[in-house]
Protein backbone atom coordinates (compact mmCIF):
# COMPACT_ATOMS: atom_id res chain seq x y z
CA UNK A 1 80.97 105.72 34.70
CA UNK A 2 77.47 104.18 33.99
CA UNK A 3 74.90 103.64 31.59
CA UNK A 4 71.08 105.67 32.65
CA UNK A 5 67.76 105.11 31.42
CA UNK A 6 66.20 108.53 31.78
CA UNK A 7 62.50 108.57 31.30
CA UNK A 8 61.32 112.28 30.62
CA UNK A 9 58.66 113.65 28.17
CA UNK A 10 59.75 117.31 28.61
CA UNK A 11 62.21 117.35 25.74
CA UNK A 12 63.91 120.28 27.07
CA UNK A 13 64.53 119.19 30.71
CA UNK A 14 65.56 115.60 29.29
CA UNK A 15 68.18 117.41 26.62
CA UNK A 16 69.49 119.43 29.77
CA UNK A 17 69.62 116.65 31.82
CA UNK A 18 71.24 114.32 29.39
CA UNK A 19 73.88 116.96 28.41
CA UNK A 20 75.04 117.25 32.06
CA UNK A 21 75.14 113.89 32.78
CA UNK A 22 77.20 112.80 29.48
CA UNK A 23 79.48 115.66 30.63
CA UNK A 24 79.80 114.01 33.84
CA UNK A 25 80.61 110.57 31.81
CA UNK A 26 77.48 108.96 32.25
CA UNK A 27 75.82 106.93 29.09
CA UNK A 28 72.48 108.27 28.94
CA UNK A 29 69.64 106.51 26.85
CA UNK A 30 66.24 109.08 26.53
CA UNK A 31 62.64 107.91 26.17
CA UNK A 32 59.80 109.82 26.37
CA UNK A 33 56.75 107.27 26.86
CA UNK A 34 56.21 104.59 29.10
CA UNK A 35 56.07 102.01 25.88
CA UNK A 36 59.56 103.17 24.82
CA UNK A 37 61.10 102.77 28.39
CA UNK A 38 59.82 99.39 28.62
CA UNK A 39 61.07 98.43 25.24
CA UNK A 40 64.37 100.19 25.91
CA UNK A 41 64.88 98.42 29.31
CA UNK A 42 64.22 95.04 27.92
CA UNK A 43 66.57 95.63 24.88
CA UNK A 44 69.66 97.46 27.00
CA UNK A 45 71.55 96.73 30.14
CA UNK A 46 71.25 99.87 32.53
CA UNK A 47 73.18 100.90 35.99
CA UNK A 48 70.28 102.95 37.13
CA UNK A 49 67.04 104.72 36.04
CA UNK A 50 65.73 108.13 36.12
CA UNK A 51 61.86 107.72 36.04
CA UNK A 52 59.41 110.91 35.71
CA UNK A 53 56.30 110.32 36.98
CA UNK A 54 53.55 112.05 35.18
CA UNK A 55 53.79 110.45 31.19
CA UNK A 56 51.42 110.77 28.15
CA UNK A 57 50.74 107.04 28.32
CA UNK A 58 50.70 106.27 32.08
CA UNK A 59 53.32 106.84 34.51
CA UNK A 60 56.54 106.12 36.00
CA UNK A 61 55.49 103.76 38.81
CA UNK A 62 54.17 101.51 35.91
CA UNK A 63 57.92 101.42 34.47
CA UNK A 64 59.19 100.73 37.99
CA UNK A 65 56.88 97.92 38.61
CA UNK A 66 58.03 96.51 34.93
CA UNK A 67 61.12 96.99 35.67
CA UNK A 68 60.83 95.13 39.12
CA UNK A 69 59.31 91.98 37.54
CA UNK A 70 62.91 91.06 36.35
CA UNK A 71 65.30 93.51 37.95
CA UNK A 72 66.99 95.04 41.27
CA UNK A 73 67.96 98.05 38.86
CA UNK A 74 68.14 101.25 41.00
CA UNK A 75 65.06 103.47 40.53
CA UNK A 76 65.04 107.37 41.10
CA UNK A 77 61.89 109.09 40.48
CA UNK A 78 61.59 112.60 39.17
CA UNK A 79 58.67 114.15 40.54
CA UNK A 80 56.52 117.21 40.10
CA UNK A 81 54.81 116.53 43.50
CA UNK A 82 56.38 116.07 46.82
CA UNK A 83 52.95 114.87 48.74
CA UNK A 84 53.76 112.19 51.08
CA UNK A 85 51.32 109.84 49.64
CA UNK A 86 53.37 110.21 46.07
CA UNK A 87 56.72 109.97 48.05
CA UNK A 88 55.19 106.43 49.62
CA UNK A 89 53.83 105.08 46.92
CA UNK A 90 56.92 105.38 44.73
CA UNK A 91 58.95 103.50 47.75
CA UNK A 92 56.23 100.88 48.12
CA UNK A 93 56.80 99.51 44.47
CA UNK A 94 60.58 99.55 44.66
CA UNK A 95 61.70 103.15 43.96
CA UNK A 96 65.14 103.76 45.86
CA UNK A 97 64.97 107.62 45.73
CA UNK A 98 63.21 110.36 44.72
CA UNK A 99 63.82 114.31 43.74
CA UNK A 100 61.58 116.89 43.20
CA UNK A 101 61.29 119.23 40.52
CA UNK A 102 62.44 121.74 39.61
CA UNK A 103 66.01 120.43 41.04
CA UNK A 104 69.18 121.41 40.43
CA UNK A 105 71.00 119.14 38.22
CA UNK A 106 74.18 119.04 40.52
CA UNK A 107 71.73 117.75 43.08
CA UNK A 108 70.34 114.95 40.96
CA UNK A 109 74.13 114.06 39.98
CA UNK A 110 74.66 113.71 43.73
CA UNK A 111 71.64 111.38 44.31
CA UNK A 112 73.05 109.06 41.32
CA UNK A 113 76.23 108.77 42.56
CA UNK A 114 74.64 108.26 46.46
CA UNK A 115 71.93 105.47 44.84
CA UNK A 116 74.77 104.01 42.96
CA UNK A 117 77.42 103.59 46.06
CA UNK A 118 74.83 101.93 48.07
CA UNK A 119 74.05 99.36 45.67
CA UNK A 120 77.09 98.33 44.42
CA UNK A 121 77.94 94.99 45.23
CA UNK A 122 81.55 95.83 46.04
CA UNK A 123 80.07 97.92 49.10
CA UNK A 124 79.18 94.82 50.79
CA UNK A 125 81.28 92.62 52.79
CA UNK A 126 81.85 88.82 51.87
CA UNK A 127 79.66 87.63 54.94
CA UNK A 128 76.48 85.96 55.10
CA UNK A 129 74.24 86.31 57.64
CA UNK A 130 71.56 83.71 59.23
CA UNK A 131 68.98 84.47 61.51
CA UNK A 132 66.36 81.94 62.70
CA UNK A 133 64.44 81.22 59.01
CA UNK A 134 66.05 84.15 57.15
CA UNK A 135 69.50 83.65 55.23
CA UNK A 136 71.15 86.72 53.62
CA UNK A 137 73.56 85.23 51.06
CA UNK A 138 75.91 88.24 50.51
CA UNK A 139 77.64 86.22 47.54
CA UNK A 140 74.58 86.12 45.47
CA UNK A 141 72.98 89.09 46.92
CA UNK A 142 69.92 87.07 47.63
CA UNK A 143 67.59 86.54 50.76
CA UNK A 144 65.54 83.55 51.54
CA UNK A 145 63.21 82.78 54.18
CA UNK A 146 62.78 79.04 54.89
CA UNK A 147 64.43 78.56 51.82
CA UNK A 148 62.39 80.60 49.58
CA UNK A 149 63.71 83.60 47.67
CA UNK A 150 62.32 86.95 48.98
CA UNK A 151 62.46 89.81 46.55
CA UNK A 152 63.61 92.96 47.56
CA UNK A 153 65.01 96.22 46.47
CA UNK A 154 68.43 97.37 46.58
CA UNK A 155 67.44 99.80 49.45
CA UNK A 156 65.65 97.24 51.19
CA UNK A 157 68.60 94.78 51.30
CA UNK A 158 70.92 97.47 52.25
CA UNK A 159 68.61 98.03 55.39
CA UNK A 160 68.47 94.34 55.83
CA UNK A 161 72.03 94.25 56.02
CA UNK A 162 72.78 96.84 58.38
CA UNK A 163 70.35 95.22 60.93
CA UNK A 164 71.56 91.75 60.66
CA UNK A 165 75.33 93.18 60.87
CA UNK A 166 74.14 94.70 64.04
CA UNK A 167 72.05 92.26 65.77
CA UNK A 168 70.66 92.98 69.37
CA UNK A 169 71.92 96.64 69.18
CA UNK A 170 69.34 99.58 69.59
CA UNK A 171 69.72 101.64 66.59
CA UNK A 172 68.53 105.14 66.80
CA UNK A 173 66.80 106.21 63.15
CA UNK A 174 69.36 108.96 62.59
CA UNK A 175 71.96 106.26 63.15
CA UNK A 176 70.06 103.89 60.61
CA UNK A 177 69.58 106.77 58.13
CA UNK A 178 73.22 107.56 58.09
CA UNK A 179 74.34 104.06 57.24
CA UNK A 180 71.55 103.70 54.52
CA UNK A 181 72.29 107.00 53.18
CA UNK A 182 76.02 106.84 53.07
CA UNK A 183 76.18 109.95 54.86
CA UNK A 184 74.07 111.85 52.22
CA UNK A 185 71.07 113.47 53.80
CA UNK A 186 68.47 112.78 51.36
CA UNK A 187 66.73 110.12 53.48
CA UNK A 188 63.85 111.39 56.13
CA UNK A 189 61.99 109.15 58.78
CA UNK A 190 59.12 108.86 56.70
CA UNK A 191 61.17 107.04 54.29
CA UNK A 192 62.94 104.45 56.70
CA UNK A 193 59.33 103.85 57.93
CA UNK A 194 58.37 102.74 54.82
CA UNK A 195 61.47 101.01 53.81
CA UNK A 196 60.81 99.08 57.11
CA UNK A 197 57.29 98.84 56.56
CA UNK A 198 57.93 96.85 53.32
CA UNK A 199 60.88 94.42 54.78
CA UNK A 200 58.31 93.49 57.49
CA UNK A 201 55.63 92.47 54.92
CA UNK A 202 58.27 90.13 53.35
CA UNK A 203 60.31 88.44 56.17
CA UNK A 204 57.22 88.62 59.21
CA UNK A 205 54.67 85.71 59.78
CA UNK A 206 52.46 88.85 61.04
CA UNK A 207 54.07 92.19 60.44
CA UNK A 208 51.69 93.81 63.03
CA UNK A 209 53.68 91.86 65.50
CA UNK A 210 57.03 91.60 64.08
CA UNK A 211 59.67 89.16 65.41
CA UNK A 212 62.74 90.15 63.76
CA UNK A 213 62.89 93.92 63.67
CA UNK A 214 60.90 95.89 66.90
CA UNK A 215 60.19 99.20 67.36
CA UNK A 216 61.31 100.78 70.32
CA UNK A 217 59.08 103.78 70.37
CA UNK A 218 60.84 106.85 70.74
CA UNK A 219 64.26 105.49 70.65
CA UNK A 220 64.59 103.77 67.16
CA UNK A 221 64.63 99.67 66.10
CA UNK A 222 66.40 96.65 67.29
CA UNK A 223 66.89 93.33 65.34
CA UNK A 224 66.14 91.23 68.41
CA UNK A 225 67.06 87.65 66.84
CA UNK A 226 70.54 85.88 67.07
CA UNK A 227 72.49 86.63 63.93
CA UNK A 228 74.94 83.94 62.76
CA UNK A 229 77.70 85.59 60.43
CA UNK A 230 79.59 83.17 57.82
CA UNK A 231 82.35 84.53 56.24
CA UNK A 232 82.74 83.48 52.47
């Protein structure tokens, strides 16, 4: 079903997660430190990473940053704190989701499945989009701004695809969240705001005066630039 990198220094919790995920058909590789997680990531191809935040030699954010230098591997943070600042930080550096301890392993499995569904290349239609200076190449899963590649996380890709597939359409936050989460209620409006802020910083000349994604206060968002769809 998939290969999972699990970074968790609580051995009892890690063993429980590994046992349950293995029983679900996943192949789990456990690590208990930032150093070993980075080394394991370099040596093995994974489908998703589950990263504890607080670790003896650092934190899961450092590992996520390391992963993002070379990979779009989906990342779910396992955190004991759900304060907004920690959630936002995790998403800002490229995390795809987070789950707060203590959690039920069945909920974790649901989160994993949801993230993998959203990030599977097969989930996307073979249509490329061009909008002003932006090219979204669905075949290579790359985005270009004025012919320069833009690095996006898996969730940012999905959100950008949602906007570019629905140009000049006002979408409520709830509609966008439903499309983004595949119907799973794991995202909230704060999470959406973080994703949109990150995308704007990467594609807009001035993110404070966006030309692509407009905010309609109290209503939602709209991709206001014409989009040309090119079928592969």
